[in-house]
Structure formats: structure tokens, C-alpha cells
PDB file of all heavy atoms in Angstrom:
ATOM      1  N   GLY A   1      51.329 -60.628 -15.060  1.00  0.00           N
ATOM      2  CA  GLY A   1      50.178 -59.770 -14.789  1.00  0.00           C
ATOM      3  C   GLY A   1      49.467 -59.363 -16.063  1.00  0.00           C
ATOM      4  O   GLY A   1      48.235 -59.263 -16.108  1.00  0.00           O
ATOM      5  N   GLN A   2      50.241 -59.134 -17.119  1.00  0.00           N
ATOM      6  CA  GLN A   2      49.644 -58.798 -18.407  1.00  0.00           C
ATOM      7  C   GLN A   2      48.894 -59.993 -18.990  1.00  0.00           C
ATOM      8  O   GLN A   2      47.885 -59.830 -19.680  1.00  0.00           O
ATOM      9  CB  GLN A   2      50.732 -58.346 -19.382  1.00  0.00           C
ATOM     10  CG  GLN A   2      51.362 -57.008 -19.061  1.00  0.00           C
ATOM     11  CD  GLN A   2      50.486 -55.827 -19.460  1.00  0.00           C
ATOM     12  OE1 GLN A   2      49.341 -56.000 -19.846  1.00  0.00           O
ATOM     13  NE2 GLN A   2      51.035 -54.628 -19.378  1.00  0.00           N
ATOM     14  N   LEU A   3      49.376 -61.186 -18.716  1.00  0.00           N
ATOM     15  CA  LEU A   3      48.736 -62.388 -19.248  1.00  0.00           C
ATOM     16  C   LEU A   3      47.314 -62.577 -18.721  1.00  0.00           C
ATOM     17  O   LEU A   3      46.473 -63.178 -19.394  1.00  0.00           O
ATOM     18  CB  LEU A   3      49.566 -63.635 -18.904  1.00  0.00           C
ATOM     19  CG  LEU A   3      50.795 -63.897 -19.765  1.00  0.00           C
ATOM     20  CD1 LEU A   3      51.592 -65.068 -19.202  1.00  0.00           C
ATOM     21  CD2 LEU A   3      50.390 -64.183 -21.214  1.00  0.00           C
ATOM     22  N   ILE A   4      47.043 -62.085 -17.512  1.00  0.00           N
ATOM     23  CA  ILE A   4      45.703 -62.254 -16.939  1.00  0.00           C
ATOM     24  C   ILE A   4      44.917 -60.946 -16.953  1.00  0.00           C
ATOM     25  O   ILE A   4      43.942 -60.790 -16.203  1.00  0.00           O
ATOM     26  CB  ILE A   4      45.773 -62.813 -15.498  1.00  0.00           C
ATOM     27  CG1 ILE A   4      46.524 -61.833 -14.577  1.00  0.00           C
ATOM     28  CG2 ILE A   4      46.421 -64.186 -15.478  1.00  0.00           C
ATOM     29  CD1 ILE A   4      46.237 -62.076 -13.122  1.00  0.00           C
ATOM     30  N   ALA A   5      45.325 -60.005 -17.777  1.00  0.00           N
ATOM     31  CA  ALA A   5      44.624 -58.716 -17.868  1.00  0.00           C
ATOM     32  C   ALA A   5      43.290 -58.904 -18.575  1.00  0.00           C
ATOM     33  O   ALA A   5      43.131 -58.582 -19.752  1.00  0.00           O
ATOM     34  CB  ALA A   5      45.491 -57.704 -18.599  1.00  0.00           C
ATOM     35  N   ARG A   6      42.349 -59.459 -17.823  1.00  0.00           N
ATOM     36  CA  ARG A   6      41.012 -59.736 -18.330  1.00  0.00           C
ATOM     37  C   ARG A   6      39.986 -59.121 -17.377  1.00  0.00           C
ATOM     38  O   ARG A   6      40.251 -58.998 -16.173  1.00  0.00           O
ATOM     39  CB  ARG A   6      40.768 -61.244 -18.425  1.00  0.00           C
ATOM     40  CG  ARG A   6      41.741 -61.988 -19.318  1.00  0.00           C
ATOM     41  CD  ARG A   6      41.542 -61.632 -20.783  1.00  0.00           C
ATOM     42  NE  ARG A   6      42.410 -62.412 -21.655  1.00  0.00           N
ATOM     43  CZ  ARG A   6      43.641 -62.053 -22.004  1.00  0.00           C
ATOM     44  NH1 ARG A   6      44.131 -60.904 -21.550  1.00  0.00           N
ATOM     45  NH2 ARG A   6      44.370 -62.811 -22.803  1.00  0.00           N
ATOM     46  N   PRO A   7      38.809 -58.743 -17.879  1.00  0.00           N
ATOM     47  CA  PRO A   7      37.820 -58.062 -17.022  1.00  0.00           C
ATOM     48  C   PRO A   7      37.494 -58.790 -15.728  1.00  0.00           C
ATOM     49  O   PRO A   7      37.379 -58.166 -14.674  1.00  0.00           O
ATOM     50  CB  PRO A   7      36.598 -57.958 -17.940  1.00  0.00           C
ATOM     51  CG  PRO A   7      37.173 -57.874 -19.322  1.00  0.00           C
ATOM     52  CD  PRO A   7      38.379 -58.775 -19.289  1.00  0.00           C
ATOM     53  N   ILE A   8      37.361 -60.123 -15.766  1.00  0.00           N
ATOM     54  CA  ILE A   8      36.986 -60.852 -14.553  1.00  0.00           C
ATOM     55  C   ILE A   8      38.043 -60.708 -13.460  1.00  0.00           C
ATOM     56  O   ILE A   8      37.719 -60.546 -12.281  1.00  0.00           O
ATOM     57  CB  ILE A   8      36.722 -62.347 -14.876  1.00  0.00           C
ATOM     58  CG1 ILE A   8      36.201 -63.058 -13.613  1.00  0.00           C
ATOM     59  CG2 ILE A   8      37.975 -63.034 -15.412  1.00  0.00           C
ATOM     60  CD1 ILE A   8      35.757 -64.484 -13.877  1.00  0.00           C
ATOM     61  N   PHE A   9      39.314 -60.740 -13.850  1.00  0.00           N
ATOM     62  CA  PHE A   9      40.386 -60.587 -12.865  1.00  0.00           C
ATOM     63  C   PHE A   9      40.554 -59.127 -12.459  1.00  0.00           C
ATOM     64  O   PHE A   9      40.749 -58.820 -11.281  1.00  0.00           O
ATOM     65  CB  PHE A   9      41.696 -61.132 -13.425  1.00  0.00           C
ATOM     66  CG  PHE A   9      41.680 -62.611 -13.694  1.00  0.00           C
ATOM     67  CD1 PHE A   9      41.888 -63.105 -14.971  1.00  0.00           C
ATOM     68  CD2 PHE A   9      41.448 -63.511 -12.676  1.00  0.00           C
ATOM     69  CE1 PHE A   9      41.867 -64.465 -15.229  1.00  0.00           C
ATOM     70  CE2 PHE A   9      41.427 -64.883 -12.908  1.00  0.00           C
ATOM     71  CZ  PHE A   9      41.633 -65.361 -14.200  1.00  0.00           C
ATOM     72  N   ASP A  10      40.474 -58.224 -13.429  1.00  0.00           N
ATOM     73  CA  ASP A  10      40.677 -56.807 -13.121  1.00  0.00           C
ATOM     74  C   ASP A  10      39.593 -56.269 -12.196  1.00  0.00           C
ATOM     75  O   ASP A  10      39.875 -55.433 -11.326  1.00  0.00           O
ATOM     76  CB  ASP A  10      40.732 -55.982 -14.406  1.00  0.00           C
ATOM     77  CG  ASP A  10      42.082 -56.087 -15.100  1.00  0.00           C
ATOM     78  OD1 ASP A  10      42.952 -56.828 -14.602  1.00  0.00           O
ATOM     79  OD2 ASP A  10      42.266 -55.424 -16.147  1.00  0.00           O
ATOM     80  N   ARG A  11      38.358 -56.730 -12.365  1.00  0.00           N
ATOM     81  CA  ARG A  11      37.300 -56.279 -11.452  1.00  0.00           C
ATOM     82  C   ARG A  11      37.603 -56.694 -10.018  1.00  0.00           C
ATOM     83  O   ARG A  11      37.435 -55.905  -9.078  1.00  0.00           O
ATOM     84  CB  ARG A  11      35.939 -56.843 -11.888  1.00  0.00           C
ATOM     85  CG  ARG A  11      35.317 -56.124 -13.071  1.00  0.00           C
ATOM     86  CD  ARG A  11      33.843 -56.495 -13.222  1.00  0.00           C
ATOM     87  NE  ARG A  11      33.671 -57.903 -13.563  1.00  0.00           N
ATOM     88  CZ  ARG A  11      33.606 -58.368 -14.801  1.00  0.00           C
ATOM     89  NH1 ARG A  11      33.748 -57.539 -15.834  1.00  0.00           N
ATOM     90  NH2 ARG A  11      33.433 -59.655 -15.039  1.00  0.00           N
ATOM     91  N   ALA A  12      38.071 -57.921  -9.835  1.00  0.00           N
ATOM     92  CA  ALA A  12      38.401 -58.401  -8.492  1.00  0.00           C
ATOM     93  C   ALA A  12      39.581 -57.626  -7.914  1.00  0.00           C
ATOM     94  O   ALA A  12      39.565 -57.225  -6.744  1.00  0.00           O
ATOM     95  CB  ALA A  12      38.713 -59.893  -8.535  1.00  0.00           C
ATOM     96  N   VAL A  13      40.612 -57.400  -8.735  1.00  0.00           N
ATOM     97  CA  VAL A  13      41.792 -56.683  -8.258  1.00  0.00           C
ATOM     98  C   VAL A  13      41.437 -55.248  -7.885  1.00  0.00           C
ATOM     99  O   VAL A  13      41.902 -54.721  -6.861  1.00  0.00           O
ATOM    100  CB  VAL A  13      42.906 -56.710  -9.321  1.00  0.00           C
ATOM    101  CG1 VAL A  13      44.023 -55.740  -8.946  1.00  0.00           C
ATOM    102  CG2 VAL A  13      43.466 -58.126  -9.471  1.00  0.00           C
ATOM    103  N   LYS A  14      40.599 -54.603  -8.680  1.00  0.00           N
ATOM    104  CA  LYS A  14      40.230 -53.213  -8.383  1.00  0.00           C
ATOM    105  C   LYS A  14      39.433 -53.115  -7.087  1.00  0.00           C
ATOM    106  O   LYS A  14      39.533 -52.115  -6.360  1.00  0.00           O
ATOM    107  CB  LYS A  14      39.449 -52.621  -9.552  1.00  0.00           C
ATOM    108  CG  LYS A  14      40.338 -52.313 -10.759  1.00  0.00           C
ATOM    109  CD  LYS A  14      39.548 -51.793 -11.936  1.00  0.00           C
ATOM    110  CE  LYS A  14      40.471 -51.499 -13.120  1.00  0.00           C
ATOM    111  NZ  LYS A  14      39.716 -51.013 -14.309  1.00  0.00           N
ATOM    112  N   LYS A  15      38.659 -54.140  -6.771  1.00  0.00           N
ATOM    113  CA  LYS A  15      37.977 -54.163  -5.474  1.00  0.00           C
ATOM    114  C   LYS A  15      38.991 -54.197  -4.337  1.00  0.00           C
ATOM    115  O   LYS A  15      38.845 -53.502  -3.330  1.00  0.00           O
ATOM    116  CB  LYS A  15      37.052 -55.373  -5.387  1.00  0.00           C
ATOM    117  CG  LYS A  15      35.772 -55.251  -6.204  1.00  0.00           C
ATOM    118  CD  LYS A  15      34.887 -56.473  -6.008  1.00  0.00           C
ATOM    119  CE  LYS A  15      33.600 -56.355  -6.799  1.00  0.00           C
ATOM    120  NZ  LYS A  15      32.732 -57.535  -6.632  1.00  0.00           N
ATOM    121  N   ILE A  16      40.037 -55.006  -4.506  1.00  0.00           N
ATOM    122  CA  ILE A  16      41.088 -55.085  -3.493  1.00  0.00           C
ATOM    123  C   ILE A  16      41.778 -53.730  -3.340  1.00  0.00           C
ATOM    124  O   ILE A  16      42.034 -53.265  -2.219  1.00  0.00           O
ATOM    125  CB  ILE A  16      42.117 -56.170  -3.872  1.00  0.00           C
ATOM    126  CG1 ILE A  16      41.456 -57.554  -3.872  1.00  0.00           C
ATOM    127  CG2 ILE A  16      43.312 -56.152  -2.913  1.00  0.00           C
ATOM    128  CD1 ILE A  16      42.300 -58.648  -4.495  1.00  0.00           C
ATOM    129  N   LEU A  17      42.057 -53.071  -4.454  1.00  0.00           N
ATOM    130  CA  LEU A  17      42.712 -51.765  -4.402  1.00  0.00           C
ATOM    131  C   LEU A  17      41.855 -50.730  -3.681  1.00  0.00           C
ATOM    132  O   LEU A  17      42.372 -49.828  -3.022  1.00  0.00           O
ATOM    133  CB  LEU A  17      43.010 -51.262  -5.819  1.00  0.00           C
ATOM    134  CG  LEU A  17      43.969 -52.092  -6.680  1.00  0.00           C
ATOM    135  CD1 LEU A  17      44.253 -51.381  -7.991  1.00  0.00           C
ATOM    136  CD2 LEU A  17      45.267 -52.386  -5.948  1.00  0.00           C
ATOM    137  N   ASP A  18      40.535 -50.864  -3.813  1.00  0.00           N
ATOM    138  CA  ASP A  18      39.614 -49.915  -3.184  1.00  0.00           C
ATOM    139  C   ASP A  18      39.259 -50.291  -1.757  1.00  0.00           C
ATOM    140  O   ASP A  18      38.442 -49.621  -1.118  1.00  0.00           O
ATOM    141  CB  ASP A  18      38.326 -49.815  -4.005  1.00  0.00           C
ATOM    142  CG  ASP A  18      38.536 -49.140  -5.352  1.00  0.00           C
ATOM    143  OD1 ASP A  18      39.532 -48.406  -5.492  1.00  0.00           O
ATOM    144  OD2 ASP A  18      37.711 -49.363  -6.271  1.00  0.00           O
ATOM    145  N   GLY A  19      39.857 -51.388  -1.245  1.00  0.00           N
ATOM    146  CA  GLY A  19      39.577 -51.813   0.115  1.00  0.00           C
ATOM    147  C   GLY A  19      38.261 -52.532   0.278  1.00  0.00           C
ATOM    148  O   GLY A  19      37.750 -52.673   1.395  1.00  0.00           O
ATOM    149  N   ARG A  20      37.690 -52.995  -0.842  1.00  0.00           N
ATOM    150  CA  ARG A  20      36.431 -53.729  -0.795  1.00  0.00           C
ATOM    151  C   ARG A  20      36.694 -55.235  -0.825  1.00  0.00           C
ATOM    152  O   ARG A  20      37.774 -55.682  -1.156  1.00  0.00           O
ATOM    153  CB  ARG A  20      35.534 -53.342  -1.972  1.00  0.00           C
ATOM    154  CG  ARG A  20      35.052 -51.897  -1.916  1.00  0.00           C
ATOM    155  CD  ARG A  20      34.130 -51.588  -3.092  1.00  0.00           C
ATOM    156  NE  ARG A  20      34.876 -51.507  -4.342  1.00  0.00           N
ATOM    157  CZ  ARG A  20      34.386 -51.845  -5.526  1.00  0.00           C
ATOM    158  NH1 ARG A  20      33.162 -52.354  -5.614  1.00  0.00           N
ATOM    159  NH2 ARG A  20      35.112 -51.714  -6.617  1.00  0.00           N
ATOM    160  N   ARG A  21      35.692 -55.991  -0.483  1.00  0.00           N
ATOM    161  CA  ARG A  21      35.832 -57.446  -0.447  1.00  0.00           C
ATOM    162  C   ARG A  21      35.757 -58.007  -1.865  1.00  0.00           C
ATOM    163  O   ARG A  21      34.821 -57.721  -2.610  1.00  0.00           O
ATOM    164  CB  ARG A  21      34.727 -58.047   0.410  1.00  0.00           C
ATOM    165  CG  ARG A  21      34.863 -59.561   0.595  1.00  0.00           C
ATOM    166  CD  ARG A  21      33.699 -60.102   1.385  1.00  0.00           C
ATOM    167  NE  ARG A  21      33.787 -61.552   1.530  1.00  0.00           N
ATOM    168  CZ  ARG A  21      32.738 -62.339   1.737  1.00  0.00           C
ATOM    169  NH1 ARG A  21      31.532 -61.815   1.824  1.00  0.00           N
ATOM    170  NH2 ARG A  21      32.892 -63.642   1.870  1.00  0.00           N
ATOM    171  N   ALA A  22      36.742 -58.804  -2.215  1.00  0.00           N
ATOM    172  CA  ALA A  22      36.755 -59.486  -3.499  1.00  0.00           C
ATOM    173  C   ALA A  22      36.478 -60.965  -3.251  1.00  0.00           C
ATOM    174  O   ALA A  22      37.278 -61.652  -2.611  1.00  0.00           O
ATOM    175  CB  ALA A  22      38.094 -59.302  -4.197  1.00  0.00           C
ATOM    176  N   LEU A  23      35.347 -61.439  -3.744  1.00  0.00           N
ATOM    177  CA  LEU A  23      34.949 -62.818  -3.475  1.00  0.00           C
ATOM    178  C   LEU A  23      35.938 -63.834  -4.043  1.00  0.00           C
ATOM    179  O   LEU A  23      36.056 -64.952  -3.538  1.00  0.00           O
ATOM    180  CB  LEU A  23      33.553 -63.084  -4.043  1.00  0.00           C
ATOM    181  CG  LEU A  23      32.407 -62.279  -3.407  1.00  0.00           C
ATOM    182  CD1 LEU A  23      31.096 -62.589  -4.106  1.00  0.00           C
ATOM    183  CD2 LEU A  23      32.304 -62.575  -1.916  1.00  0.00           C
ATOM    184  N   LEU A  24      36.661 -63.425  -5.084  1.00  0.00           N
ATOM    185  CA  LEU A  24      37.611 -64.345  -5.709  1.00  0.00           C
ATOM    186  C   LEU A  24      38.947 -64.418  -4.978  1.00  0.00           C
ATOM    187  O   LEU A  24      39.750 -65.313  -5.250  1.00  0.00           O
ATOM    188  CB  LEU A  24      37.867 -63.929  -7.164  1.00  0.00           C
ATOM    189  CG  LEU A  24      36.717 -64.136  -8.155  1.00  0.00           C
ATOM    190  CD1 LEU A  24      37.112 -63.619  -9.532  1.00  0.00           C
ATOM    191  CD2 LEU A  24      36.321 -65.599  -8.235  1.00  0.00           C
ATOM    192  N   LEU A  25      39.203 -63.487  -4.044  1.00  0.00           N
ATOM    193  CA  LEU A  25      40.515 -63.447  -3.390  1.00  0.00           C
ATOM    194  C   LEU A  25      40.869 -64.761  -2.690  1.00  0.00           C
ATOM    195  O   LEU A  25      42.000 -65.250  -2.851  1.00  0.00           O
ATOM    196  CB  LEU A  25      40.604 -62.284  -2.414  1.00  0.00           C
ATOM    197  CG  LEU A  25      41.973 -62.097  -1.737  1.00  0.00           C
ATOM    198  CD1 LEU A  25      43.070 -61.890  -2.778  1.00  0.00           C
ATOM    199  CD2 LEU A  25      41.941 -60.923  -0.760  1.00  0.00           C
ATOM    200  N   PRO A  26      39.980 -65.372  -1.911  1.00  0.00           N
ATOM    201  CA  PRO A  26      40.354 -66.647  -1.283  1.00  0.00           C
ATOM    202  C   PRO A  26      40.748 -67.708  -2.313  1.00  0.00           C
ATOM    203  O   PRO A  26      41.647 -68.522  -2.052  1.00  0.00           O
ATOM    204  CB  PRO A  26      39.084 -67.047  -0.521  1.00  0.00           C
ATOM    205  CG  PRO A  26      38.382 -65.768  -0.253  1.00  0.00           C
ATOM    206  CD  PRO A  26      38.636 -64.928  -1.472  1.00  0.00           C
ATOM    207  N   LEU A  27      40.097 -67.685  -3.458  1.00  0.00           N
ATOM    208  CA  LEU A  27      40.444 -68.631  -4.520  1.00  0.00           C
ATOM    209  C   LEU A  27      41.838 -68.330  -5.056  1.00  0.00           C
ATOM    210  O   LEU A  27      42.644 -69.243  -5.277  1.00  0.00           O
ATOM    211  CB  LEU A  27      39.415 -68.558  -5.645  1.00  0.00           C
ATOM    212  CG  LEU A  27      39.676 -69.451  -6.873  1.00  0.00           C
ATOM    213  CD1 LEU A  27      39.639 -70.922  -6.475  1.00  0.00           C
ATOM    214  CD2 LEU A  27      38.637 -69.166  -7.962  1.00  0.00           C
ATOM    215  N   PHE A  28      42.135 -67.048  -5.250  1.00  0.00           N
ATOM    216  CA  PHE A  28      43.458 -66.644  -5.743  1.00  0.00           C
ATOM    217  C   PHE A  28      44.570 -67.123  -4.814  1.00  0.00           C
ATOM    218  O   PHE A  28      45.659 -67.492  -5.266  1.00  0.00           O
ATOM    219  CB  PHE A  28      43.550 -65.122  -5.856  1.00  0.00           C
ATOM    220  CG  PHE A  28      42.637 -64.496  -6.870  1.00  0.00           C
ATOM    221  CD1 PHE A  28      42.271 -63.163  -6.745  1.00  0.00           C
ATOM    222  CD2 PHE A  28      42.128 -65.227  -7.929  1.00  0.00           C
ATOM    223  CE1 PHE A  28      41.432 -62.565  -7.668  1.00  0.00           C
ATOM    224  CE2 PHE A  28      41.279 -64.638  -8.865  1.00  0.00           C
ATOM    225  CZ  PHE A  28      40.929 -63.310  -8.729  1.00  0.00           C
ATOM    226  N   LEU A  29      44.304 -67.089  -3.511  1.00  0.00           N
ATOM    227  CA  LEU A  29      45.346 -67.365  -2.524  1.00  0.00           C
ATOM    228  C   LEU A  29      45.581 -68.854  -2.277  1.00  0.00           C
ATOM    229  O   LEU A  29      46.496 -69.221  -1.542  1.00  0.00           O
ATOM    230  CB  LEU A  29      45.005 -66.684  -1.195  1.00  0.00           C
ATOM    231  CG  LEU A  29      44.900 -65.150  -1.222  1.00  0.00           C
ATOM    232  CD1 LEU A  29      44.583 -64.626   0.170  1.00  0.00           C
ATOM    233  CD2 LEU A  29      46.175 -64.518  -1.749  1.00  0.00           C
TER     234      LEU A  29
END
């Protein structure tokens, strides 16, 4: 998790934490 601690990933993850749609999530999965 620390290895990918970059703004592009953190913005997507924070959207998930807030219950918002993260466009990158399908790609992650």
C-alpha cells in the first residue's frame, strides 16, 4: 500500500472511502 501511495491512486481510494464512484475501481479489480 505504501508503494502505491501516489496522488492518482489516493484520490480514487478516498472516493471509495467517501462512498463516491471511483472511475478507476473497475480497472483495479
